[in-house]
Amino acid sequence: MSTTTILMFHPDPSRSRANATLAAAAAELPGVEVVDMQALYPTGEIDVEREVARLLAAGRIVLQFPVQWYATPPLLKAWQDSVLTRMFYIAYEREGRALEGTPLLVAATAGNTPAAYAPTGANLFSLEELLRPLEATAHRCGLPWSQPFLLFGANRLDAPALAEAAGRYVARLGMA
């Protein structure tokens, strides 16, 4: 069975409602491993060997995080800089090449509404446009990109809406 590895990059998981709910629902699926990266690396010092091994063992990679100031959380950027640089620039023949072809899904939560992520909205750009650097990274690394799973108004969702979102996430993860 192929495994899905979800790397959750929430800077304060104890205060997360949306990301915690999505991660808990996903963890119930067979073949899914959810890794709380902030809990694993609270100081930001990343064990590159461990992360390379984790990626190479994955059948699919999911990067789950809240969008903050139009970007990924700092730990995700640091993880990219250390792990992907190692795999694709330093040890490509041994590591990067082996990871190529592994599908990548981004699961992003945003506090604002979909209307705010429009040319006439408060954020000027769609959330998909703001995630383009990750799409470019996936392309450069040979990781097949799929349409991101997006959850808007994440900090204002009530329990039934969070449960519905978790159901959509689980359904999306269940797709091959």
N, C-alpha and C. Protein backbone atom coordinates (compact mmCIF):
# COMPACT_ATOMS: atom_id res chain seq x y z
N MET A 1 0.85 -1.18 0.00
CA MET A 1 0.00 0.00 0.00
C MET A 1 0.89 1.24 0.00
N SER A 2 0.55 2.17 -0.84
CA SER A 2 1.29 3.42 -0.91
C SER A 2 0.94 4.27 0.31
N THR A 3 1.93 4.98 0.80
CA THR A 3 1.70 5.80 1.98
C THR A 3 1.62 7.27 1.60
N THR A 4 0.81 7.98 2.34
CA THR A 4 0.73 9.43 2.22
C THR A 4 1.35 10.02 3.47
N THR A 5 2.33 10.88 3.29
CA THR A 5 2.98 11.55 4.41
C THR A 5 2.54 13.00 4.41
N ILE A 6 1.84 13.38 5.47
CA ILE A 6 1.38 14.77 5.63
C ILE A 6 2.34 15.46 6.59
N LEU A 7 3.00 16.48 6.09
CA LEU A 7 3.89 17.30 6.91
C LEU A 7 3.11 18.56 7.27
N MET A 8 2.70 18.65 8.53
CA MET A 8 1.91 19.80 8.98
C MET A 8 2.84 20.84 9.58
N PHE A 9 2.83 22.01 8.96
CA PHE A 9 3.68 23.12 9.40
C PHE A 9 2.81 24.22 9.98
N HIS A 10 2.31 24.01 11.18
CA HIS A 10 1.55 25.06 11.86
C HIS A 10 2.42 25.60 12.98
N PRO A 11 2.67 26.93 13.00
CA PRO A 11 3.58 27.49 14.01
C PRO A 11 3.12 27.33 15.45
N ASP A 12 1.82 27.15 15.66
CA ASP A 12 1.31 26.97 17.02
C ASP A 12 0.18 25.95 16.99
N PRO A 13 0.51 24.67 16.87
CA PRO A 13 -0.51 23.64 16.72
C PRO A 13 -1.51 23.60 17.88
N SER A 14 -1.08 23.99 19.07
CA SER A 14 -1.98 23.95 20.23
C SER A 14 -3.13 24.94 20.09
N ARG A 15 -2.95 25.97 19.26
CA ARG A 15 -4.00 26.97 19.06
C ARG A 15 -4.72 26.78 17.73
N SER A 16 -4.36 25.76 17.00
CA SER A 16 -4.97 25.53 15.70
C SER A 16 -6.29 24.79 15.85
N ARG A 17 -7.31 25.27 15.19
CA ARG A 17 -8.56 24.53 15.12
C ARG A 17 -8.65 23.84 13.77
N ALA A 18 -8.48 24.61 12.71
CA ALA A 18 -8.68 24.06 11.37
C ALA A 18 -7.61 23.04 11.01
N ASN A 19 -6.35 23.40 11.14
CA ASN A 19 -5.28 22.47 10.78
C ASN A 19 -5.30 21.24 11.68
N ALA A 20 -5.58 21.42 12.96
CA ALA A 20 -5.65 20.28 13.87
C ALA A 20 -6.79 19.35 13.49
N THR A 21 -7.94 19.92 13.13
CA THR A 21 -9.09 19.10 12.73
C THR A 21 -8.79 18.33 11.45
N LEU A 22 -8.21 19.01 10.47
CA LEU A 22 -7.86 18.34 9.21
C LEU A 22 -6.85 17.22 9.46
N ALA A 23 -5.84 17.50 10.25
CA ALA A 23 -4.80 16.50 10.52
C ALA A 23 -5.37 15.30 11.27
N ALA A 24 -6.22 15.54 12.25
CA ALA A 24 -6.81 14.44 13.02
C ALA A 24 -7.67 13.55 12.12
N ALA A 25 -8.44 14.16 11.24
CA ALA A 25 -9.28 13.38 10.33
C ALA A 25 -8.41 12.57 9.36
N ALA A 26 -7.37 13.18 8.84
CA ALA A 26 -6.48 12.49 7.90
C ALA A 26 -5.76 11.33 8.57
N ALA A 27 -5.39 11.50 9.83
CA ALA A 27 -4.65 10.46 10.55
C ALA A 27 -5.45 9.18 10.70
N GLU A 28 -6.77 9.27 10.57
CA GLU A 28 -7.62 8.09 10.68
C GLU A 28 -7.59 7.22 9.42
N LEU A 29 -7.10 7.77 8.34
CA LEU A 29 -7.05 7.01 7.08
C LEU A 29 -5.92 5.99 7.12
N PRO A 30 -6.16 4.80 6.57
CA PRO A 30 -5.06 3.83 6.50
C PRO A 30 -3.99 4.33 5.53
N GLY A 31 -2.75 4.10 5.89
CA GLY A 31 -1.65 4.48 5.01
C GLY A 31 -1.29 5.95 5.05
N VAL A 32 -1.85 6.68 6.03
CA VAL A 32 -1.54 8.11 6.15
C VAL A 32 -0.75 8.34 7.44
N GLU A 33 0.35 9.04 7.30
CA GLU A 33 1.16 9.45 8.45
C GLU A 33 1.11 10.97 8.52
N VAL A 34 0.72 11.50 9.67
CA VAL A 34 0.71 12.95 9.89
C VAL A 34 1.87 13.29 10.81
N VAL A 35 2.70 14.22 10.37
CA VAL A 35 3.87 14.62 11.15
C VAL A 35 3.71 16.09 11.52
N ASP A 36 3.65 16.37 12.82
CA ASP A 36 3.58 17.75 13.31
C ASP A 36 5.01 18.28 13.32
N MET A 37 5.36 19.01 12.29
CA MET A 37 6.74 19.46 12.12
C MET A 37 7.16 20.47 13.19
N GLN A 38 6.23 21.29 13.67
CA GLN A 38 6.57 22.26 14.71
C GLN A 38 6.91 21.54 16.01
N ALA A 39 6.16 20.49 16.34
CA ALA A 39 6.46 19.72 17.55
C ALA A 39 7.79 18.99 17.40
N LEU A 40 8.07 18.54 16.19
CA LEU A 40 9.31 17.81 15.93
C LEU A 40 10.53 18.73 15.95
N TYR A 41 10.35 19.95 15.45
CA TYR A 41 11.47 20.90 15.33
C TYR A 41 11.11 22.25 15.94
N PRO A 42 10.87 22.30 17.25
CA PRO A 42 10.45 23.57 17.87
C PRO A 42 11.48 24.68 17.78
N THR A 43 12.75 24.32 17.67
CA THR A 43 13.80 25.35 17.57
C THR A 43 14.11 25.69 16.12
N GLY A 44 13.51 24.96 15.20
CA GLY A 44 13.77 25.21 13.79
C GLY A 44 14.97 24.47 13.24
N GLU A 45 15.66 23.72 14.08
CA GLU A 45 16.82 22.95 13.62
C GLU A 45 16.33 21.62 13.06
N ILE A 46 16.42 21.47 11.75
CA ILE A 46 15.83 20.34 11.05
C ILE A 46 16.84 19.21 10.89
N ASP A 47 16.40 18.00 11.19
CA ASP A 47 17.21 16.80 10.98
C ASP A 47 17.07 16.40 9.51
N VAL A 48 17.99 16.86 8.70
CA VAL A 48 17.90 16.68 7.25
C VAL A 48 17.91 15.20 6.88
N GLU A 49 18.76 14.41 7.51
CA GLU A 49 18.81 12.97 7.21
C GLU A 49 17.45 12.32 7.43
N ARG A 50 16.83 12.64 8.55
CA ARG A 50 15.52 12.08 8.88
C ARG A 50 14.47 12.49 7.85
N GLU A 51 14.50 13.76 7.46
CA GLU A 51 13.50 14.26 6.52
C GLU A 51 13.70 13.69 5.12
N VAL A 52 14.94 13.52 4.70
CA VAL A 52 15.21 12.89 3.40
C VAL A 52 14.65 11.47 3.41
N ALA A 53 14.93 10.72 4.47
CA ALA A 53 14.43 9.34 4.57
C ALA A 53 12.90 9.32 4.57
N ARG A 54 12.28 10.27 5.26
CA ARG A 54 10.81 10.33 5.32
C ARG A 54 10.24 10.57 3.91
N LEU A 55 10.83 11.50 3.19
CA LEU A 55 10.34 11.78 1.84
C LEU A 55 10.53 10.59 0.90
N LEU A 56 11.68 9.96 0.99
CA LEU A 56 11.95 8.83 0.09
C LEU A 56 11.05 7.63 0.38
N ALA A 57 10.53 7.54 1.60
CA ALA A 57 9.62 6.45 1.97
C ALA A 57 8.17 6.75 1.59
N ALA A 58 7.88 7.99 1.24
CA ALA A 58 6.49 8.39 0.97
C ALA A 58 6.06 8.03 -0.45
N GLY A 59 4.81 7.62 -0.55
CA GLY A 59 4.21 7.42 -1.87
C GLY A 59 3.57 8.70 -2.38
N ARG A 60 3.22 9.58 -1.46
CA ARG A 60 2.67 10.91 -1.77
C ARG A 60 3.02 11.82 -0.61
N ILE A 61 3.29 13.08 -0.93
CA ILE A 61 3.66 14.07 0.07
C ILE A 61 2.57 15.14 0.10
N VAL A 62 2.15 15.50 1.31
CA VAL A 62 1.20 16.60 1.50
C VAL A 62 1.87 17.62 2.41
N LEU A 63 1.89 18.86 1.97
CA LEU A 63 2.36 19.97 2.80
C LEU A 63 1.12 20.70 3.29
N GLN A 64 0.86 20.65 4.59
CA GLN A 64 -0.33 21.26 5.18
C GLN A 64 0.11 22.41 6.07
N PHE A 65 -0.54 23.57 5.89
CA PHE A 65 -0.11 24.75 6.65
C PHE A 65 -1.14 25.87 6.54
N PRO A 66 -1.09 26.83 7.48
CA PRO A 66 -1.87 28.05 7.33
C PRO A 66 -1.06 29.06 6.51
N VAL A 67 -1.72 29.76 5.63
CA VAL A 67 -1.06 30.83 4.88
C VAL A 67 -0.95 32.03 5.82
N GLN A 68 0.25 32.60 5.90
CA GLN A 68 0.48 33.74 6.78
C GLN A 68 1.20 34.83 6.00
N TRP A 69 0.57 35.98 5.91
CA TRP A 69 1.16 37.09 5.17
C TRP A 69 1.59 36.65 3.78
N TYR A 70 0.68 35.95 3.11
CA TYR A 70 0.85 35.57 1.70
C TYR A 70 1.95 34.54 1.48
N ALA A 71 2.33 33.83 2.50
CA ALA A 71 3.45 32.90 2.37
C ALA A 71 3.25 31.69 3.28
N THR A 72 4.18 30.77 3.17
CA THR A 72 4.20 29.60 4.05
C THR A 72 4.80 30.00 5.39
N PRO A 73 4.53 29.22 6.43
CA PRO A 73 5.18 29.49 7.72
C PRO A 73 6.70 29.36 7.61
N PRO A 74 7.43 30.05 8.46
CA PRO A 74 8.90 30.04 8.38
C PRO A 74 9.52 28.65 8.44
N LEU A 75 8.96 27.75 9.23
CA LEU A 75 9.55 26.41 9.34
C LEU A 75 9.45 25.66 8.01
N LEU A 76 8.36 25.84 7.28
CA LEU A 76 8.25 25.18 5.97
C LEU A 76 9.31 25.72 5.02
N LYS A 77 9.53 27.01 5.02
CA LYS A 77 10.57 27.58 4.15
C LYS A 77 11.94 27.07 4.56
N ALA A 78 12.21 27.00 5.85
CA ALA A 78 13.50 26.48 6.31
C ALA A 78 13.66 25.01 5.94
N TRP A 79 12.57 24.25 6.03
CA TRP A 79 12.59 22.83 5.64
C TRP A 79 12.91 22.71 4.15
N GLN A 80 12.25 23.51 3.33
CA GLN A 80 12.54 23.49 1.89
C GLN A 80 14.01 23.80 1.64
N ASP A 81 14.49 24.86 2.27
CA ASP A 81 15.87 25.29 2.05
C ASP A 81 16.87 24.22 2.44
N SER A 82 16.64 23.54 3.54
CA SER A 82 17.62 22.54 3.97
C SER A 82 17.41 21.18 3.30
N VAL A 83 16.19 20.68 3.28
CA VAL A 83 15.95 19.32 2.77
C VAL A 83 15.98 19.28 1.24
N LEU A 84 15.24 20.15 0.59
CA LEU A 84 15.20 20.09 -0.87
C LEU A 84 16.51 20.54 -1.50
N THR A 85 17.18 21.49 -0.88
CA THR A 85 18.50 21.89 -1.41
C THR A 85 19.45 20.70 -1.34
N ARG A 86 19.44 20.01 -0.24
CA ARG A 86 20.30 18.82 -0.12
C ARG A 86 19.94 17.79 -1.18
N MET A 87 18.64 17.51 -1.32
CA MET A 87 18.21 16.43 -2.21
C MET A 87 18.42 16.76 -3.69
N PHE A 88 18.22 18.02 -4.06
CA PHE A 88 18.21 18.34 -5.48
C PHE A 88 19.44 19.11 -5.96
N TYR A 89 20.28 19.57 -5.05
CA TYR A 89 21.49 20.27 -5.48
C TYR A 89 22.77 19.62 -4.98
N ILE A 90 22.71 18.96 -3.85
CA ILE A 90 23.92 18.37 -3.29
C ILE A 90 23.97 16.86 -3.56
N ALA A 91 22.85 16.18 -3.39
CA ALA A 91 22.83 14.72 -3.53
C ALA A 91 21.78 14.27 -4.54
N TYR A 92 21.72 14.97 -5.67
CA TYR A 92 20.67 14.69 -6.65
C TYR A 92 20.67 13.24 -7.12
N GLU A 93 21.81 12.74 -7.53
CA GLU A 93 21.85 11.38 -8.10
C GLU A 93 21.35 10.34 -7.11
N ARG A 94 21.64 10.52 -5.85
CA ARG A 94 21.28 9.55 -4.82
C ARG A 94 19.90 9.81 -4.22
N GLU A 95 19.50 11.06 -4.11
CA GLU A 95 18.27 11.38 -3.38
C GLU A 95 17.21 12.06 -4.24
N GLY A 96 17.58 13.16 -4.87
CA GLY A 96 16.60 13.92 -5.65
C GLY A 96 15.98 13.09 -6.75
N ARG A 97 16.82 12.39 -7.49
CA ARG A 97 16.32 11.56 -8.58
C ARG A 97 15.34 10.50 -8.05
N ALA A 98 15.63 9.96 -6.87
CA ALA A 98 14.76 8.93 -6.28
C ALA A 98 13.41 9.51 -5.87
N LEU A 99 13.35 10.80 -5.56
CA LEU A 99 12.09 11.42 -5.14
C LEU A 99 11.24 11.84 -6.33
N GLU A 100 11.86 12.07 -7.46
CA GLU A 100 11.11 12.51 -8.65
C GLU A 100 9.96 11.56 -8.93
N GLY A 101 8.83 12.13 -9.30
CA GLY A 101 7.64 11.34 -9.59
C GLY A 101 6.72 11.15 -8.41
N THR A 102 7.16 11.54 -7.21
CA THR A 102 6.31 11.43 -6.02
C THR A 102 5.30 12.58 -6.04
N PRO A 103 4.00 12.28 -6.06
CA PRO A 103 3.01 13.36 -6.11
C PRO A 103 3.06 14.26 -4.88
N LEU A 104 2.79 15.54 -5.12
CA LEU A 104 2.76 16.55 -4.05
C LEU A 104 1.41 17.24 -4.04
N LEU A 105 0.83 17.33 -2.85
CA LEU A 105 -0.41 18.06 -2.65
C LEU A 105 -0.17 19.11 -1.58
N VAL A 106 -0.66 20.30 -1.81
CA VAL A 106 -0.63 21.36 -0.80
C VAL A 106 -2.03 21.47 -0.21
N ALA A 107 -2.10 21.51 1.12
CA ALA A 107 -3.35 21.73 1.83
C ALA A 107 -3.16 22.99 2.66
N ALA A 108 -3.78 24.07 2.23
CA ALA A 108 -3.55 25.37 2.87
C ALA A 108 -4.84 25.92 3.46
N THR A 109 -4.71 26.49 4.64
CA THR A 109 -5.83 27.17 5.26
C THR A 109 -5.56 28.67 5.25
N ALA A 110 -6.63 29.43 5.15
CA ALA A 110 -6.53 30.89 5.14
C ALA A 110 -7.62 31.46 6.03
N GLY A 111 -7.30 32.51 6.73
CA GLY A 111 -8.28 33.12 7.61
C GLY A 111 -9.33 33.94 6.88
N ASN A 112 -9.00 34.42 5.71
CA ASN A 112 -9.91 35.28 4.97
C ASN A 112 -10.83 34.48 4.06
N THR A 113 -11.74 35.18 3.42
CA THR A 113 -12.75 34.57 2.55
C THR A 113 -12.21 34.42 1.12
N PRO A 114 -12.85 33.59 0.31
CA PRO A 114 -12.43 33.48 -1.09
C PRO A 114 -12.49 34.83 -1.82
N ALA A 115 -13.48 35.66 -1.49
CA ALA A 115 -13.62 36.96 -2.16
C ALA A 115 -12.42 37.86 -1.88
N ALA A 116 -11.80 37.70 -0.73
CA ALA A 116 -10.62 38.51 -0.41
C ALA A 116 -9.42 38.14 -1.28
N TYR A 117 -9.45 36.91 -1.80
CA TYR A 117 -8.35 36.43 -2.65
C TYR A 117 -8.77 36.55 -4.11
N ALA A 118 -8.94 37.77 -4.56
CA ALA A 118 -9.35 38.06 -5.93
C ALA A 118 -8.72 39.39 -6.34
N PRO A 119 -8.65 39.66 -7.64
CA PRO A 119 -8.05 40.93 -8.10
C PRO A 119 -8.69 42.17 -7.47
N THR A 120 -9.97 42.08 -7.14
CA THR A 120 -10.64 43.22 -6.52
C THR A 120 -10.75 43.07 -5.00
N GLY A 121 -10.20 41.99 -4.46
CA GLY A 121 -10.29 41.74 -3.02
C GLY A 121 -9.13 42.33 -2.25
N ALA A 122 -9.20 42.18 -0.95
CA ALA A 122 -8.19 42.74 -0.05
C ALA A 122 -6.79 42.20 -0.31
N ASN A 123 -6.69 40.99 -0.82
CA ASN A 123 -5.38 40.36 -1.00
C ASN A 123 -4.86 40.42 -2.44
N LEU A 124 -5.65 40.97 -3.35
CA LEU A 124 -5.25 41.23 -4.74
C LEU A 124 -5.05 39.98 -5.60
N PHE A 125 -4.58 38.90 -5.03
CA PHE A 125 -4.30 37.68 -5.78
C PHE A 125 -5.12 36.52 -5.23
N SER A 126 -5.36 35.54 -6.08
CA SER A 126 -6.01 34.32 -5.61
C SER A 126 -5.03 33.54 -4.73
N LEU A 127 -5.57 32.69 -3.90
CA LEU A 127 -4.70 31.87 -3.06
C LEU A 127 -3.86 30.93 -3.93
N GLU A 128 -4.43 30.45 -5.02
CA GLU A 128 -3.66 29.62 -5.95
C GLU A 128 -2.44 30.37 -6.49
N GLU A 129 -2.64 31.66 -6.81
CA GLU A 129 -1.51 32.47 -7.30
C GLU A 129 -0.44 32.63 -6.23
N LEU A 130 -0.87 32.82 -4.99
CA LEU A 130 0.09 32.99 -3.90
C LEU A 130 0.87 31.71 -3.62
N LEU A 131 0.32 30.58 -4.03
CA LEU A 131 1.00 29.29 -3.83
C LEU A 131 1.89 28.91 -5.01
N ARG A 132 1.98 29.76 -6.00
CA ARG A 132 2.79 29.45 -7.19
C ARG A 132 4.25 29.12 -6.88
N PRO A 133 4.90 29.74 -5.90
CA PRO A 133 6.28 29.32 -5.60
C PRO A 133 6.38 27.84 -5.23
N LEU A 134 5.37 27.32 -4.55
CA LEU A 134 5.38 25.89 -4.23
C LEU A 134 5.16 25.05 -5.48
N GLU A 135 4.31 25.53 -6.36
CA GLU A 135 4.10 24.82 -7.63
C GLU A 135 5.39 24.82 -8.45
N ALA A 136 6.10 25.94 -8.46
CA ALA A 136 7.38 26.02 -9.18
C ALA A 136 8.40 25.07 -8.55
N THR A 137 8.40 24.98 -7.24
CA THR A 137 9.31 24.06 -6.55
C THR A 137 8.99 22.62 -6.93
N ALA A 138 7.70 22.29 -6.93
CA ALA A 138 7.30 20.93 -7.32
C ALA A 138 7.76 20.63 -8.74
N HIS A 139 7.56 21.58 -9.63
CA HIS A 139 7.99 21.40 -11.02
C HIS A 139 9.49 21.17 -11.10
N ARG A 140 10.26 22.01 -10.43
CA ARG A 140 11.72 21.91 -10.46
C ARG A 140 12.20 20.58 -9.91
N CYS A 141 11.49 20.05 -8.92
CA CYS A 141 11.89 18.80 -8.27
C CYS A 141 11.27 17.57 -8.93
N GLY A 142 10.47 17.77 -9.97
CA GLY A 142 9.86 16.63 -10.65
C GLY A 142 8.77 15.95 -9.85
N LEU A 143 8.08 16.72 -9.00
CA LEU A 143 7.00 16.19 -8.17
C LEU A 143 5.67 16.57 -8.81
N PRO A 144 4.89 15.61 -9.29
CA PRO A 144 3.61 15.95 -9.90
C PRO A 144 2.74 16.77 -8.94
N TRP A 145 2.24 17.89 -9.45
CA TRP A 145 1.45 18.86 -8.69
C TRP A 145 -0.02 18.62 -8.95
N SER A 146 -0.83 18.67 -7.90
CA SER A 146 -2.27 18.64 -8.09
C SER A 146 -2.88 19.91 -7.53
N GLN A 147 -4.10 20.15 -7.92
CA GLN A 147 -4.81 21.34 -7.44
C GLN A 147 -4.80 21.32 -5.91
N PRO A 148 -4.40 22.41 -5.26
CA PRO A 148 -4.33 22.43 -3.80
C PRO A 148 -5.70 22.26 -3.14
N PHE A 149 -5.69 21.71 -1.94
CA PHE A 149 -6.87 21.69 -1.08
C PHE A 149 -6.84 22.99 -0.30
N LEU A 150 -7.86 23.81 -0.45
CA LEU A 150 -7.88 25.13 0.19
C LEU A 150 -9.08 25.24 1.13
N LEU A 151 -8.85 25.81 2.29
CA LEU A 151 -9.90 26.04 3.26
C LEU A 151 -9.85 27.51 3.66
N PHE A 152 -10.92 28.23 3.32
CA PHE A 152 -11.00 29.67 3.60
C PHE A 152 -11.78 29.92 4.89
N GLY A 153 -11.55 31.09 5.49
CA GLY A 153 -12.25 31.47 6.71
C GLY A 153 -11.99 30.50 7.84
N ALA A 154 -10.82 29.90 7.82
CA ALA A 154 -10.50 28.78 8.72
C ALA A 154 -10.64 29.13 10.19
N ASN A 155 -10.30 30.34 10.56
CA ASN A 155 -10.35 30.71 11.98
C ASN A 155 -11.76 31.08 12.45
N ARG A 156 -12.72 31.09 11.53
CA ARG A 156 -14.09 31.45 11.91
C ARG A 156 -15.08 30.30 11.72
N LEU A 157 -14.62 29.15 11.33
CA LEU A 157 -15.52 28.03 11.07
C LEU A 157 -16.01 27.42 12.38
N ASP A 158 -17.32 27.12 12.43
CA ASP A 158 -17.85 26.45 13.61
C ASP A 158 -17.60 24.94 13.48
N ALA A 159 -17.96 24.20 14.51
CA ALA A 159 -17.67 22.76 14.54
C ALA A 159 -18.28 22.01 13.36
N PRO A 160 -19.55 22.25 12.99
CA PRO A 160 -20.09 21.53 11.83
C PRO A 160 -19.35 21.87 10.52
N ALA A 161 -18.98 23.12 10.35
CA ALA A 161 -18.25 23.51 9.13
C ALA A 161 -16.85 22.89 9.11
N LEU A 162 -16.21 22.82 10.27
CA LEU A 162 -14.90 22.16 10.35
C LEU A 162 -15.02 20.68 10.04
N ALA A 163 -16.07 20.05 10.55
CA ALA A 163 -16.28 18.62 10.28
C ALA A 163 -16.52 18.39 8.79
N GLU A 164 -17.27 19.28 8.17
CA GLU A 164 -17.52 19.16 6.72
C GLU A 164 -16.22 19.33 5.94
N ALA A 165 -15.41 20.29 6.34
CA ALA A 165 -14.12 20.51 5.68
C ALA A 165 -13.21 19.30 5.86
N ALA A 166 -13.21 18.73 7.05
CA ALA A 166 -12.39 17.54 7.30
C ALA A 166 -12.86 16.39 6.42
N GLY A 167 -14.16 16.27 6.22
CA GLY A 167 -14.69 15.24 5.33
C GLY A 167 -14.23 15.43 3.90
N ARG A 168 -14.21 16.68 3.45
CA ARG A 168 -13.73 16.96 2.08
C ARG A 168 -12.23 16.66 1.96
N TYR A 169 -11.49 16.96 3.01
CA TYR A 169 -10.05 16.70 3.01
C TYR A 169 -9.78 15.19 2.95
N VAL A 170 -10.48 14.45 3.78
CA VAL A 170 -10.33 12.99 3.79
C VAL A 170 -10.69 12.41 2.43
N ALA A 171 -11.77 12.92 1.83
CA ALA A 171 -12.16 12.44 0.50
C ALA A 171 -11.07 12.76 -0.52
N ARG A 172 -10.51 13.93 -0.42
CA ARG A 172 -9.43 14.31 -1.34
C ARG A 172 -8.20 13.43 -1.15
N LEU A 173 -7.87 13.15 0.08
CA LEU A 173 -6.71 12.29 0.35
C LEU A 173 -6.96 10.85 -0.08
N GLY A 174 -8.22 10.44 -0.04
CA GLY A 174 -8.56 9.08 -0.44
C GLY A 174 -8.44 8.86 -1.93
N MET A 175 -8.39 9.95 -2.69
CA MET A 175 -8.24 9.84 -4.14
C MET A 175 -6.80 9.47 -4.45
N ALA A 176 -6.62 8.61 -5.41
CA ALA A 176 -5.25 8.19 -5.78
C ALA A 176 -4.51 9.29 -6.49
